[in-house]
Amino acid sequence: MNLEQFEDLYAQLIALTPDIQGVALIANEGTVLFQTGETVADETIIGVAGAAVMRLAEHISAGLAECNTQEITIRCHRHAAFFAAVGADTLLMLVLPADTDTRPLVGMVASLTNALPHNK
């Protein structure tokens, strides 16, 4: 995904879910490739933690009757950080208000990212 595609994805996500406070595209090794919106924590910490959480979730879900991880959401009292795999080598993080129901985002993120040119 390039910067233009990321900005287009962000615009589409905001149109569907205006509560989004921030978005980051993170490489599997933890590098934040692109980000926009509110920064809730240090970029390096977000990237490394997000990548580690997704890897852990993949290992756990593989042991649960081969259940594929679709997303992980981490909540604190003010924010929810929603992580979803985007392709084989990146994940998307959305920062939302803590009370946001992130379950509908799984399908939205999947359909939006599948429509990107590199996924066709």
Protein backbone atom coordinates (compact mmCIF):
# COMPACT_ATOMS: atom_id res chain seq x y z
CA MET A 1 0.00 0.00 0.00
CA ASN A 2 1.35 3.41 -0.91
CA LEU A 3 0.59 6.77 0.74
CA GLU A 4 -2.15 7.65 -1.75
CA GLN A 5 -3.92 4.33 -1.14
CA PHE A 6 -3.57 4.80 2.63
CA GLU A 7 -5.09 8.28 2.44
CA ASP A 8 -7.94 6.95 0.29
CA LEU A 9 -8.54 4.10 2.76
CA TYR A 10 -8.58 6.61 5.64
CA ALA A 11 -11.15 8.78 3.82
CA GLN A 12 -13.36 5.75 3.20
CA LEU A 13 -13.08 4.58 6.80
CA ILE A 14 -13.95 8.04 8.15
CA ALA A 15 -16.99 8.14 5.84
CA LEU A 16 -18.18 4.80 7.26
CA THR A 17 -17.11 5.31 10.88
CA PRO A 18 -16.68 8.99 11.77
CA ASP A 19 -15.65 8.06 15.34
CA ILE A 20 -12.17 7.05 14.15
CA GLN A 21 -9.60 9.18 15.93
CA GLY A 22 -6.47 7.81 14.27
CA VAL A 23 -5.27 5.23 11.76
CA ALA A 24 -1.89 3.59 11.29
CA LEU A 25 -0.56 1.03 8.82
CA ILE A 26 2.04 -1.14 10.54
CA ALA A 27 4.49 -3.61 8.99
CA ASN A 28 4.59 -7.05 10.61
CA GLU A 29 7.99 -6.30 12.16
CA GLY A 30 6.53 -3.25 13.89
CA THR A 31 7.46 -0.29 11.68
CA VAL A 32 4.69 2.30 11.37
CA LEU A 33 4.50 2.87 7.61
CA PHE A 34 1.79 5.56 7.58
CA GLN A 35 -0.37 7.20 10.21
CA THR A 36 -2.91 9.97 10.40
CA GLY A 37 -5.22 11.47 12.98
CA GLU A 38 -4.73 11.57 16.71
CA THR A 39 -1.57 10.00 18.08
CA VAL A 40 -2.42 8.27 21.33
CA ALA A 41 1.04 6.89 22.15
CA ASP A 42 4.58 6.75 20.87
CA GLU A 43 4.76 5.57 17.24
CA THR A 44 7.47 2.98 17.96
CA ILE A 45 5.56 1.49 20.87
CA ILE A 46 2.36 1.31 18.81
CA GLY A 47 4.10 -0.44 15.93
CA VAL A 48 6.01 -3.00 17.94
CA ALA A 49 3.13 -3.73 20.32
CA GLY A 50 0.62 -4.04 17.48
CA ALA A 51 2.79 -6.44 15.52
CA ALA A 52 3.54 -8.53 18.62
CA VAL A 53 -0.13 -8.71 19.64
CA MET A 54 -1.18 -9.84 16.16
CA ARG A 55 1.53 -12.54 16.04
CA LEU A 56 0.47 -13.79 19.46
CA ALA A 57 -3.19 -13.81 18.41
CA GLU A 58 -2.33 -15.80 15.28
CA HIS A 59 -0.51 -18.44 17.37
CA ILE A 60 -3.35 -18.70 19.88
CA SER A 61 -6.07 -18.84 17.22
CA ALA A 62 -4.16 -21.50 15.27
CA GLY A 63 -4.45 -23.73 18.33
CA LEU A 64 -8.19 -23.12 18.65
CA ALA A 65 -9.51 -25.47 15.99
CA GLU A 66 -7.59 -23.59 13.32
CA CYS A 67 -9.57 -20.41 13.89
CA ASN A 68 -8.15 -17.55 11.81
CA THR A 69 -7.58 -14.28 13.64
CA GLN A 70 -9.60 -11.53 12.03
CA GLU A 71 -8.98 -8.75 14.49
CA ILE A 72 -7.87 -7.83 17.98
CA THR A 73 -9.19 -4.92 20.00
CA ILE A 74 -7.46 -3.57 23.09
CA ARG A 75 -9.47 -1.20 25.28
CA CYS A 76 -8.61 1.19 28.05
CA HIS A 77 -10.94 3.66 29.73
CA ARG A 78 -10.62 6.27 26.92
CA HIS A 79 -9.65 4.45 23.73
CA ALA A 80 -9.95 1.22 21.81
CA ALA A 81 -7.14 0.14 19.52
CA PHE A 82 -8.49 -2.12 16.76
CA PHE A 83 -5.90 -4.20 14.86
CA ALA A 84 -6.67 -6.14 11.67
CA ALA A 85 -4.38 -7.86 9.20
CA VAL A 86 -4.15 -6.14 5.82
CA GLY A 87 -2.50 -8.52 3.41
CA ALA A 88 0.33 -10.84 4.36
CA ASP A 89 2.80 -8.29 5.66
CA THR A 90 0.91 -5.40 7.26
CA LEU A 91 -1.78 -4.64 9.78
CA LEU A 92 -4.11 -1.72 10.21
CA MET A 93 -4.69 -0.04 13.55
CA LEU A 94 -7.70 2.16 14.19
CA VAL A 95 -7.98 4.29 17.33
CA LEU A 96 -11.59 4.74 18.45
CA PRO A 97 -13.54 5.78 21.54
CA ALA A 98 -13.48 2.98 24.13
CA ASP A 99 -17.21 2.25 23.84
CA THR A 100 -17.12 1.60 20.07
CA ASP A 101 -18.35 -1.81 18.92
CA THR A 102 -15.47 -2.88 16.68
CA ARG A 103 -17.05 -6.11 15.41
CA PRO A 104 -18.64 -4.49 12.31
CA LEU A 105 -15.24 -3.04 11.39
CA VAL A 106 -13.85 -6.48 10.53
CA GLY A 107 -15.97 -6.79 7.40
CA MET A 108 -15.60 -3.13 6.46
CA VAL A 109 -11.80 -3.20 6.69
CA ALA A 110 -11.61 -6.47 4.76
CA SER A 111 -13.80 -5.24 1.92
CA LEU A 112 -12.02 -1.88 1.66
CA THR A 113 -8.53 -3.36 1.68
CA ASN A 114 -9.45 -6.16 -0.74
CA ALA A 115 -10.51 -3.46 -3.21
CA LEU A 116 -7.02 -1.93 -3.24
CA PRO A 117 -5.06 -2.44 -6.48
CA HIS A 118 -2.37 -4.63 -4.90
CA ASN A 119 -5.02 -7.07 -3.62
CA LYS A 120 -6.80 -7.56 -6.95
